[in-house]
Amino acid sequence: MDLIRRILIMVGDSPVPLNATVFVDEAHPFETVAYHIDLIGQADLADTSITRTGGGVIARAEVGPLTWDGNEFLDAIRSDTIWTRVKQRVGATVGSTTIDVIKALAVKLASDMLI
């Protein structure tokens, strides 16, 4: 989820779609980044463009711009404080979960902080 957050923050700050190679580093090879970009698209958090080889392997992936849901999610998780609380709650209760559950929790925590 930290990689998804990193991707969403960078896409939210970018005026143009970003290629998966922008997010590749020692901890996140292309295959991992491309898979997470695909998940972001499936969750309707951002527009994505995925090109697969004949064998189904992702050969190219782009992400951006964010969708309405993606912007809402990013607004909730951009704060390091809220993101830390989300990870602590998920880790203390279920260990891992879906993007939809994390989004709902993050939005709730963000709205609670405004009250």
Protein backbone atom coordinates (compact mmCIF):
# COMPACT_ATOMS: atom_id res chain seq x y z
CA MET A 1 0.00 0.00 0.00
CA ASP A 2 2.93 2.36 0.53
CA LEU A 3 3.80 2.00 -3.16
CA ILE A 4 0.21 2.74 -4.18
CA ARG A 5 0.25 5.84 -1.97
CA ARG A 6 3.57 6.96 -3.49
CA ILE A 7 2.21 6.48 -7.01
CA LEU A 8 -1.01 8.37 -6.23
CA ILE A 9 0.87 11.30 -4.68
CA MET A 10 3.18 11.64 -7.67
CA VAL A 11 0.31 11.29 -10.15
CA GLY A 12 -1.75 13.82 -8.20
CA ASP A 13 1.14 16.29 -8.41
CA SER A 14 1.83 15.67 -12.12
CA PRO A 15 0.17 17.52 -15.00
CA VAL A 16 0.73 14.51 -17.31
CA PRO A 17 0.40 10.70 -17.05
CA LEU A 18 3.48 8.97 -15.65
CA ASN A 19 5.23 5.90 -17.00
CA ALA A 20 5.84 3.01 -14.58
CA THR A 21 9.59 3.44 -14.98
CA VAL A 22 9.36 6.66 -12.93
CA PHE A 23 8.53 4.58 -9.84
CA VAL A 24 11.09 1.80 -10.33
CA ASP A 25 13.81 1.62 -7.68
CA GLU A 26 15.82 -1.06 -5.85
CA ALA A 27 12.83 -2.04 -3.70
CA HIS A 28 10.25 -1.92 -6.53
CA PRO A 29 11.17 -3.57 -9.85
CA PHE A 30 9.18 -2.78 -12.98
CA GLU A 31 6.95 -5.85 -12.63
CA THR A 32 5.90 -4.82 -9.10
CA VAL A 33 5.25 -1.22 -10.10
CA ALA A 34 3.28 -2.24 -13.19
CA TYR A 35 1.16 -4.66 -11.12
CA HIS A 36 0.34 -1.89 -8.62
CA ILE A 37 -0.55 0.52 -11.44
CA ASP A 38 -2.89 -2.15 -12.77
CA LEU A 39 -4.48 -2.43 -9.30
CA ILE A 40 -4.92 1.36 -9.19
CA GLY A 41 -6.77 1.19 -12.51
CA GLN A 42 -8.93 -1.72 -11.36
CA ALA A 43 -9.85 0.26 -8.22
CA ASP A 44 -10.79 3.24 -10.45
CA LEU A 45 -8.37 5.54 -8.62
CA ALA A 46 -6.68 6.74 -11.82
CA ASP A 47 -6.77 6.28 -15.56
CA THR A 48 -4.23 3.66 -16.56
CA SER A 49 -2.85 2.34 -19.82
CA ILE A 50 -1.47 -1.18 -19.65
CA THR A 51 0.18 -2.99 -22.58
CA ARG A 52 0.72 -6.74 -22.24
CA THR A 53 2.82 -9.14 -24.25
CA GLY A 54 1.24 -12.15 -25.97
CA GLY A 55 1.95 -14.10 -22.78
CA GLY A 56 0.06 -11.63 -20.62
CA VAL A 57 3.12 -10.02 -19.03
CA ILE A 58 2.87 -6.25 -18.58
CA ALA A 59 5.31 -4.62 -21.01
CA ARG A 60 4.26 -0.97 -20.49
CA ALA A 61 2.20 0.83 -17.89
CA GLU A 62 1.16 4.47 -17.52
CA VAL A 63 -0.95 6.07 -14.84
CA GLY A 64 -2.78 9.38 -14.64
CA PRO A 65 -4.73 11.48 -14.20
CA LEU A 66 -6.50 10.62 -10.95
CA THR A 67 -10.23 9.95 -11.02
CA TRP A 68 -12.71 11.56 -8.63
CA ASP A 69 -12.31 8.57 -6.27
CA GLY A 70 -8.54 8.76 -6.62
CA ASN A 71 -8.50 12.42 -5.65
CA GLU A 72 -10.75 11.71 -2.65
CA PHE A 73 -8.50 8.84 -1.56
CA LEU A 74 -5.34 10.91 -2.05
CA ASP A 75 -6.80 13.81 -0.08
CA ALA A 76 -7.36 11.39 2.81
CA ILE A 77 -3.96 9.63 2.70
CA ARG A 78 -1.65 12.52 1.75
CA SER A 79 -1.19 13.34 5.45
CA ASP A 80 1.60 11.22 6.97
CA THR A 81 -0.32 11.27 10.27
CA ILE A 82 -3.48 9.81 8.75
CA TRP A 83 -1.50 7.31 6.66
CA THR A 84 0.32 6.08 9.78
CA ARG A 85 -2.99 5.71 11.63
CA VAL A 86 -4.53 3.79 8.73
CA LYS A 87 -1.60 1.36 8.61
CA GLN A 88 -1.67 0.91 12.40
CA ARG A 89 -5.42 0.18 12.42
CA VAL A 90 -5.21 -2.27 9.54
CA GLY A 91 -2.14 -3.96 11.03
CA ALA A 92 -3.72 -4.25 14.47
CA THR A 93 -7.02 -5.68 13.22
CA VAL A 94 -6.76 -7.66 10.00
CA GLY A 95 -3.15 -7.40 8.85
CA SER A 96 -4.02 -6.72 5.22
CA THR A 97 -7.11 -5.68 3.33
CA THR A 98 -8.46 -4.21 0.09
CA ILE A 99 -7.95 -0.74 -1.32
CA ASP A 100 -11.67 -0.04 -0.78
CA VAL A 101 -11.42 -0.76 2.95
CA ILE A 102 -8.27 1.32 3.31
CA LYS A 103 -9.90 4.17 1.38
CA ALA A 104 -13.00 4.08 3.59
CA LEU A 105 -10.88 4.05 6.75
CA ALA A 106 -8.62 6.87 5.51
CA VAL A 107 -11.59 9.05 4.50
CA LYS A 108 -13.22 8.44 7.92
CA LEU A 109 -10.02 9.27 9.82
CA ALA A 110 -9.49 12.40 7.72
CA SER A 111 -13.05 13.61 8.30
CA ASP A 112 -12.77 12.85 12.05
CA MET A 113 -9.68 15.06 12.23
CA LEU A 114 -11.63 17.96 10.71
CA ILE A 115 -14.30 17.81 13.43
